[in-house]
């Protein structure tokens, strides 16, 4: 998990640099790498953990928060 978040930092920095220099193919490659790393590390764990540890009312609030996080990340 920690390695995944360190990789998020590196990939986001890479995307920012590629965007700054105007290399759109680099930005696209960075986004794809981010998606792969996210799906292999913390992406699915949040959903499984929320479903296993909360009741129905809290699950609705947690999933709304998780969807908001996904929107911010994308």
PDB file of N, CA and C in Angstrom:
ATOM      1  N   UNK A   1       0.819  -1.201   0.000  1.00  0.00           N
ATOM      2  CA  UNK A   1       0.000   0.000   0.000  1.00  0.00           C
ATOM      3  C   UNK A   1       0.861   1.263   0.000  1.00  0.00           C
ATOM      4  N   UNK A   2       1.891   1.277   0.819  1.00  0.00           N
ATOM      5  CA  UNK A   2       2.733   2.470   0.880  1.00  0.00           C
ATOM      6  C   UNK A   2       3.455   2.657  -0.448  1.00  0.00           C
ATOM      7  N   UNK A   3       3.925   1.570  -1.023  1.00  0.00           N
ATOM      8  CA  UNK A   3       4.577   1.660  -2.327  1.00  0.00           C
ATOM      9  C   UNK A   3       3.640   2.202  -3.390  1.00  0.00           C
ATOM     10  N   UNK A   4       2.367   1.826  -3.313  1.00  0.00           N
ATOM     11  CA  UNK A   4       1.383   2.338  -4.257  1.00  0.00           C
ATOM     12  C   UNK A   4       1.203   3.840  -4.128  1.00  0.00           C
ATOM     13  N   UNK A   5       1.162   4.328  -2.891  1.00  0.00           N
ATOM     14  CA  UNK A   5       0.973   5.756  -2.692  1.00  0.00           C
ATOM     15  C   UNK A   5       2.221   6.547  -3.072  1.00  0.00           C
ATOM     16  N   UNK A   6       3.393   5.963  -2.870  1.00  0.00           N
ATOM     17  CA  UNK A   6       4.615   6.611  -3.345  1.00  0.00           C
ATOM     18  C   UNK A   6       4.593   6.676  -4.870  1.00  0.00           C
ATOM     19  N   UNK A   7       4.133   5.605  -5.502  1.00  0.00           N
ATOM     20  CA  UNK A   7       4.026   5.593  -6.960  1.00  0.00           C
ATOM     21  C   UNK A   7       3.001   6.616  -7.427  1.00  0.00           C
ATOM     22  N   UNK A   8       1.904   6.808  -6.694  1.00  0.00           N
ATOM     23  CA  UNK A   8       0.932   7.853  -7.041  1.00  0.00           C
ATOM     24  C   UNK A   8       1.633   9.214  -7.098  1.00  0.00           C
ATOM     25  N   UNK A   9       2.461   9.494  -6.102  1.00  0.00           N
ATOM     26  CA  UNK A   9       3.161  10.769  -6.048  1.00  0.00           C
ATOM     27  C   UNK A   9       4.076  10.946  -7.254  1.00  0.00           C
ATOM     28  N   UNK A  10       4.820   9.900  -7.576  1.00  0.00           N
ATOM     29  CA  UNK A  10       5.737   9.970  -8.712  1.00  0.00           C
ATOM     30  C   UNK A  10       4.967  10.160 -10.021  1.00  0.00           C
ATOM     31  N   UNK A  11       3.892   9.394 -10.189  1.00  0.00           N
ATOM     32  CA  UNK A  11       3.128   9.473 -11.435  1.00  0.00           C
ATOM     33  C   UNK A  11       2.434  10.824 -11.568  1.00  0.00           C
ATOM     34  N   UNK A  12       1.885  11.349 -10.465  1.00  0.00           N
ATOM     35  CA  UNK A  12       1.261  12.668 -10.541  1.00  0.00           C
ATOM     36  C   UNK A  12       2.294  13.745 -10.871  1.00  0.00           C
ATOM     37  N   UNK A  13       3.491  13.627 -10.322  1.00  0.00           N
ATOM     38  CA  UNK A  13       4.550  14.578 -10.669  1.00  0.00           C
ATOM     39  C   UNK A  13       4.919  14.463 -12.147  1.00  0.00           C
ATOM     40  N   UNK A  14       4.989  13.234 -12.647  1.00  0.00           N
ATOM     41  CA  UNK A  14       5.280  12.999 -14.050  1.00  0.00           C
ATOM     42  C   UNK A  14       4.202  13.613 -14.940  1.00  0.00           C
ATOM     43  N   UNK A  15       2.943  13.413 -14.569  1.00  0.00           N
ATOM     44  CA  UNK A  15       1.833  13.978 -15.350  1.00  0.00           C
ATOM     45  C   UNK A  15       1.903  15.505 -15.347  1.00  0.00           C
ATOM     46  N   UNK A  16       2.188  16.085 -14.189  1.00  0.00           N
ATOM     47  CA  UNK A  16       2.313  17.542 -14.116  1.00  0.00           C
ATOM     48  C   UNK A  16       3.446  18.068 -14.975  1.00  0.00           C
ATOM     49  N   UNK A  17       4.585  17.382 -14.957  1.00  0.00           N
ATOM     50  CA  UNK A  17       5.718  17.806 -15.778  1.00  0.00           C
ATOM     51  C   UNK A  17       5.402  17.677 -17.267  1.00  0.00           C
ATOM     52  N   UNK A  18       4.806  16.562 -17.659  1.00  0.00           N
ATOM     53  CA  UNK A  18       4.463  16.364 -19.063  1.00  0.00           C
ATOM     54  C   UNK A  18       3.439  17.399 -19.529  1.00  0.00           C
ATOM     55  N   UNK A  19       2.516  17.744 -18.658  1.00  0.00           N
ATOM     56  CA  UNK A  19       1.532  18.767 -18.990  1.00  0.00           C
ATOM     57  C   UNK A  19       2.204  20.136 -19.119  1.00  0.00           C
ATOM     58  N   UNK A  20       3.176  20.399 -18.246  1.00  0.00           N
ATOM     59  CA  UNK A  20       3.881  21.679 -18.270  1.00  0.00           C
ATOM     60  C   UNK A  20       4.666  21.858 -19.566  1.00  0.00           C
ATOM     61  N   UNK A  21       5.308  20.795 -20.038  1.00  0.00           N
ATOM     62  CA  UNK A  21       6.099  20.922 -21.268  1.00  0.00           C
ATOM     63  C   UNK A  21       5.257  20.711 -22.521  1.00  0.00           C
ATOM     64  N   UNK A  22       3.991  20.322 -22.349  1.00  0.00           N
ATOM     65  CA  UNK A  22       3.085  20.210 -23.487  1.00  0.00           C
ATOM     66  C   UNK A  22       3.108  18.873 -24.194  1.00  0.00           C
ATOM     67  N   UNK A  23       3.581  17.845 -23.546  1.00  0.00           N
ATOM     68  CA  UNK A  23       3.638  16.511 -24.142  1.00  0.00           C
ATOM     69  C   UNK A  23       2.366  15.743 -23.778  1.00  0.00           C
ATOM     70  N   UNK A  24       1.390  15.748 -24.658  1.00  0.00           N
ATOM     71  CA  UNK A  24       0.101  15.121 -24.364  1.00  0.00           C
ATOM     72  C   UNK A  24       0.189  13.594 -24.325  1.00  0.00           C
ATOM     73  N   UNK A  25       1.085  13.008 -25.116  1.00  0.00           N
ATOM     74  CA  UNK A  25       1.258  11.555 -25.063  1.00  0.00           C
ATOM     75  C   UNK A  25       1.831  11.121 -23.723  1.00  0.00           C
ATOM     76  N   UNK A  26       2.712  11.925 -23.146  1.00  0.00           N
ATOM     77  CA  UNK A  26       3.250  11.635 -21.819  1.00  0.00           C
ATOM     78  C   UNK A  26       2.181  11.725 -20.750  1.00  0.00           C
ATOM     79  N   UNK A  27       1.292  12.704 -20.887  1.00  0.00           N
ATOM     80  CA  UNK A  27       0.180  12.832 -19.939  1.00  0.00           C
ATOM     81  C   UNK A  27      -0.717  11.609 -20.018  1.00  0.00           C
ATOM     82  N   UNK A  28      -1.036  11.190 -21.226  1.00  0.00           N
ATOM     83  CA  UNK A  28      -1.888  10.019 -21.408  1.00  0.00           C
ATOM     84  C   UNK A  28      -1.231   8.763 -20.838  1.00  0.00           C
ATOM     85  N   UNK A  29       0.059   8.588 -21.079  1.00  0.00           N
ATOM     86  CA  UNK A  29       0.775   7.435 -20.534  1.00  0.00           C
ATOM     87  C   UNK A  29       0.789   7.480 -19.014  1.00  0.00           C
ATOM     88  N   UNK A  30       0.967   8.665 -18.437  1.00  0.00           N
ATOM     89  CA  UNK A  30       0.945   8.806 -16.980  1.00  0.00           C
ATOM     90  C   UNK A  30      -0.408   8.458 -16.385  1.00  0.00           C
ATOM     91  N   UNK A  31      -1.468   8.871 -17.057  1.00  0.00           N
ATOM     92  CA  UNK A  31      -2.812   8.547 -16.575  1.00  0.00           C
ATOM     93  C   UNK A  31      -3.043   7.036 -16.610  1.00  0.00           C
ATOM     94  N   UNK A  32      -2.598   6.384 -17.672  1.00  0.00           N
ATOM     95  CA  UNK A  32      -2.755   4.929 -17.759  1.00  0.00           C
ATOM     96  C   UNK A  32      -1.961   4.228 -16.662  1.00  0.00           C
ATOM     97  N   UNK A  33      -0.743   4.685 -16.411  1.00  0.00           N
ATOM     98  CA  UNK A  33       0.070   4.080 -15.345  1.00  0.00           C
ATOM     99  C   UNK A  33      -0.605   4.297 -13.997  1.00  0.00           C
ATOM    100  N   UNK A  34      -1.141   5.506 -13.771  1.00  0.00           N
ATOM    101  CA  UNK A  34      -1.844   5.770 -12.516  1.00  0.00           C
ATOM    102  C   UNK A  34      -3.030   4.834 -12.341  1.00  0.00           C
ATOM    103  N   UNK A  35      -3.808   4.639 -13.401  1.00  0.00           N
ATOM    104  CA  UNK A  35      -4.971   3.763 -13.300  1.00  0.00           C
ATOM    105  C   UNK A  35      -4.579   2.330 -12.965  1.00  0.00           C
ATOM    106  N   UNK A  36      -3.526   1.847 -13.574  1.00  0.00           N
ATOM    107  CA  UNK A  36      -3.072   0.482 -13.296  1.00  0.00           C
ATOM    108  C   UNK A  36      -2.602   0.355 -11.850  1.00  0.00           C
ATOM    109  N   UNK A  37      -1.809   1.313 -11.390  1.00  0.00           N
ATOM    110  CA  UNK A  37      -1.296   1.251 -10.020  1.00  0.00           C
ATOM    111  C   UNK A  37      -2.438   1.384  -9.023  1.00  0.00           C
ATOM    112  N   UNK A  38      -3.380   2.271  -9.285  1.00  0.00           N
ATOM    113  CA  UNK A  38      -4.515   2.454  -8.374  1.00  0.00           C
ATOM    114  C   UNK A  38      -5.348   1.175  -8.274  1.00  0.00           C
ATOM    115  N   UNK A  39      -5.602   0.524  -9.389  1.00  0.00           N
ATOM    116  CA  UNK A  39      -6.401  -0.696  -9.372  1.00  0.00           C
ATOM    117  C   UNK A  39      -5.671  -1.874  -8.728  1.00  0.00           C
ATOM    118  N   UNK A  40      -4.343  -1.815  -8.693  1.00  0.00           N
ATOM    119  CA  UNK A  40      -3.572  -2.893  -8.081  1.00  0.00           C
ATOM    120  C   UNK A  40      -3.298  -2.657  -6.595  1.00  0.00           C
ATOM    121  N   UNK A  41      -3.487  -1.430  -6.100  1.00  0.00           N
ATOM    122  CA  UNK A  41      -3.165  -1.155  -4.695  1.00  0.00           C
ATOM    123  C   UNK A  41      -4.413  -0.788  -3.904  1.00  0.00           C
ATOM    124  N   UNK A  42      -4.717   0.475  -3.805  1.00  0.00           N
ATOM    125  CA  UNK A  42      -5.769   0.897  -2.881  1.00  0.00           C
ATOM    126  C   UNK A  42      -7.155   1.005  -3.489  1.00  0.00           C
ATOM    127  N   UNK A  43      -7.296   0.857  -4.784  1.00  0.00           N
ATOM    128  CA  UNK A  43      -8.602   1.003  -5.422  1.00  0.00           C
ATOM    129  C   UNK A  43      -9.658   0.051  -4.891  1.00  0.00           C
ATOM    130  N   UNK A  44      -9.478  -1.248  -5.025  1.00  0.00           N
ATOM    131  CA  UNK A  44     -10.521  -2.173  -4.596  1.00  0.00           C
ATOM    132  C   UNK A  44     -10.596  -2.394  -3.083  1.00  0.00           C
ATOM    133  N   UNK A  45      -9.530  -2.097  -2.370  1.00  0.00           N
ATOM    134  CA  UNK A  45      -9.518  -2.375  -0.930  1.00  0.00           C
ATOM    135  C   UNK A  45     -10.524  -1.488  -0.200  1.00  0.00           C
ATOM    136  N   UNK A  46     -10.651  -0.243  -0.595  1.00  0.00           N
ATOM    137  CA  UNK A  46     -11.589   0.666   0.072  1.00  0.00           C
ATOM    138  C   UNK A  46     -13.018   0.159  -0.023  1.00  0.00           C
ATOM    139  N   UNK A  47     -13.394  -0.356  -1.185  1.00  0.00           N
ATOM    140  CA  UNK A  47     -14.769  -0.810  -1.386  1.00  0.00           C
ATOM    141  C   UNK A  47     -15.057  -2.060  -0.565  1.00  0.00           C
ATOM    142  N   UNK A  48     -14.143  -2.982  -0.544  1.00  0.00           N
ATOM    143  CA  UNK A  48     -14.341  -4.227   0.212  1.00  0.00           C
ATOM    144  C   UNK A  48     -14.369  -3.945   1.698  1.00  0.00           C
ATOM    145  N   UNK A  49     -13.460  -3.122   2.184  1.00  0.00           N
ATOM    146  CA  UNK A  49     -13.400  -2.797   3.603  1.00  0.00           C
ATOM    147  C   UNK A  49     -14.671  -2.086   4.055  1.00  0.00           C
ATOM    148  N   UNK A  50     -15.171  -1.159   3.256  1.00  0.00           N
ATOM    149  CA  UNK A  50     -16.390  -0.429   3.623  1.00  0.00           C
ATOM    150  C   UNK A  50     -17.582  -1.365   3.698  1.00  0.00           C
ATOM    151  N   UNK A  51     -17.711  -2.263   2.756  1.00  0.00           N
ATOM    152  CA  UNK A  51     -18.852  -3.176   2.742  1.00  0.00           C
ATOM    153  C   UNK A  51     -18.808  -4.170   3.904  1.00  0.00           C
ATOM    154  N   UNK A  52     -17.629  -4.556   4.331  1.00  0.00           N
ATOM    155  CA  UNK A  52     -17.505  -5.560   5.385  1.00  0.00           C
ATOM    156  C   UNK A  52     -17.628  -4.995   6.784  1.00  0.00           C
ATOM    157  N   UNK A  53     -17.384  -3.708   6.972  1.00  0.00           N
ATOM    158  CA  UNK A  53     -17.291  -3.173   8.336  1.00  0.00           C
ATOM    159  C   UNK A  53     -18.389  -2.197   8.724  1.00  0.00           C
ATOM    160  N   UNK A  54     -19.345  -1.908   7.868  1.00  0.00           N
ATOM    161  CA  UNK A  54     -20.346  -0.897   8.229  1.00  0.00           C
ATOM    162  C   UNK A  54     -21.762  -1.416   8.016  1.00  0.00           C
ATOM    163  N   UNK A  55     -22.708  -0.699   8.622  1.00  0.00           N
ATOM    164  CA  UNK A  55     -24.125  -1.012   8.448  1.00  0.00           C
ATOM    165  C   UNK A  55     -24.646  -0.279   7.218  1.00  0.00           C
ATOM    166  N   UNK A  56     -25.893  -0.528   6.860  1.00  0.00           N
ATOM    167  CA  UNK A  56     -26.439  -0.010   5.605  1.00  0.00           C
ATOM    168  C   UNK A  56     -26.422   1.517   5.507  1.00  0.00           C
ATOM    169  N   UNK A  57     -26.844   2.200   6.568  1.00  0.00           N
ATOM    170  CA  UNK A  57     -26.913   3.657   6.515  1.00  0.00           C
ATOM    171  C   UNK A  57     -25.510   4.247   6.381  1.00  0.00           C
ATOM    172  N   UNK A  58     -24.572   3.744   7.154  1.00  0.00           N
ATOM    173  CA  UNK A  58     -23.199   4.250   7.071  1.00  0.00           C
ATOM    174  C   UNK A  58     -22.566   3.887   5.732  1.00  0.00           C
ATOM    175  N   UNK A  59     -22.925   2.739   5.171  1.00  0.00           N
ATOM    176  CA  UNK A  59     -22.360   2.322   3.899  1.00  0.00           C
ATOM    177  C   UNK A  59     -22.719   3.304   2.792  1.00  0.00           C
ATOM    178  N   UNK A  60     -23.931   3.838   2.813  1.00  0.00           N
ATOM    179  CA  UNK A  60     -24.326   4.829   1.822  1.00  0.00           C
ATOM    180  C   UNK A  60     -23.465   6.077   1.900  1.00  0.00           C
ATOM    181  N   UNK A  61     -23.208   6.542   3.110  1.00  0.00           N
ATOM    182  CA  UNK A  61     -22.350   7.728   3.282  1.00  0.00           C
ATOM    183  C   UNK A  61     -20.920   7.428   2.862  1.00  0.00           C
ATOM    184  N   UNK A  62     -20.412   6.263   3.236  1.00  0.00           N
ATOM    185  CA  UNK A  62     -19.036   5.893   2.886  1.00  0.00           C
ATOM    186  C   UNK A  62     -18.883   5.774   1.380  1.00  0.00           C
ATOM    187  N   UNK A  63     -19.829   5.135   0.713  1.00  0.00           N
ATOM    188  CA  UNK A  63     -19.721   4.971  -0.739  1.00  0.00           C
ATOM    189  C   UNK A  63     -19.843   6.308  -1.460  1.00  0.00           C
ATOM    190  N   UNK A  64     -20.668   7.223  -0.931  1.00  0.00           N
ATOM    191  CA  UNK A  64     -20.750   8.553  -1.520  1.00  0.00           C
ATOM    192  C   UNK A  64     -19.394   9.255  -1.398  1.00  0.00           C
ATOM    193  N   UNK A  65     -18.734   9.102  -0.266  1.00  0.00           N
ATOM    194  CA  UNK A  65     -17.412   9.688  -0.072  1.00  0.00           C
ATOM    195  C   UNK A  65     -16.391   9.053  -1.003  1.00  0.00           C
ATOM    196  N   UNK A  66     -16.448   7.743  -1.164  1.00  0.00           N
ATOM    197  CA  UNK A  66     -15.517   7.060  -2.059  1.00  0.00           C
ATOM    198  C   UNK A  66     -15.721   7.489  -3.513  1.00  0.00           C
ATOM    199  N   UNK A  67     -16.971   7.618  -3.944  1.00  0.00           N
ATOM    200  CA  UNK A  67     -17.225   8.097  -5.306  1.00  0.00           C
ATOM    201  C   UNK A  67     -16.707   9.519  -5.492  1.00  0.00           C
ATOM    202  N   UNK A  68     -16.863  10.362  -4.477  1.00  0.00           N
ATOM    203  CA  UNK A  68     -16.311  11.713  -4.545  1.00  0.00           C
ATOM    204  C   UNK A  68     -14.796  11.699  -4.666  1.00  0.00           C
ATOM    205  N   UNK A  69     -14.155  10.773  -3.944  1.00  0.00           N
ATOM    206  CA  UNK A  69     -12.706  10.627  -4.043  1.00  0.00           C
ATOM    207  C   UNK A  69     -12.291  10.185  -5.424  1.00  0.00           C
ATOM    208  N   UNK A  70     -13.039   9.277  -6.023  1.00  0.00           N
ATOM    209  CA  UNK A  70     -12.727   8.817  -7.379  1.00  0.00           C
ATOM    210  C   UNK A  70     -12.876   9.957  -8.386  1.00  0.00           C
ATOM    211  N   UNK A  71     -13.877  10.801  -8.201  1.00  0.00           N
ATOM    212  CA  UNK A  71     -14.060  11.951  -9.088  1.00  0.00           C
ATOM    213  C   UNK A  71     -12.882  12.911  -8.972  1.00  0.00           C
ATOM    214  N   UNK A  72     -12.435  13.157  -7.744  1.00  0.00           N
ATOM    215  CA  UNK A  72     -11.293  14.059  -7.536  1.00  0.00           C
ATOM    216  C   UNK A  72     -10.038  13.458  -8.163  1.00  0.00           C
ATOM    217  N   UNK A  73      -9.814  12.155  -7.998  1.00  0.00           N
ATOM    218  CA  UNK A  73      -8.628  11.527  -8.569  1.00  0.00           C
ATOM    219  C   UNK A  73      -8.656  11.520 -10.094  1.00  0.00           C
ATOM    220  N   UNK A  74      -9.842  11.372 -10.665  1.00  0.00           N
ATOM    221  CA  UNK A  74      -9.902  11.322 -12.123  1.00  0.00           C
ATOM    222  C   UNK A  74      -9.859  12.713 -12.703  1.00  0.00           C
TER     223      UNK A  74
END
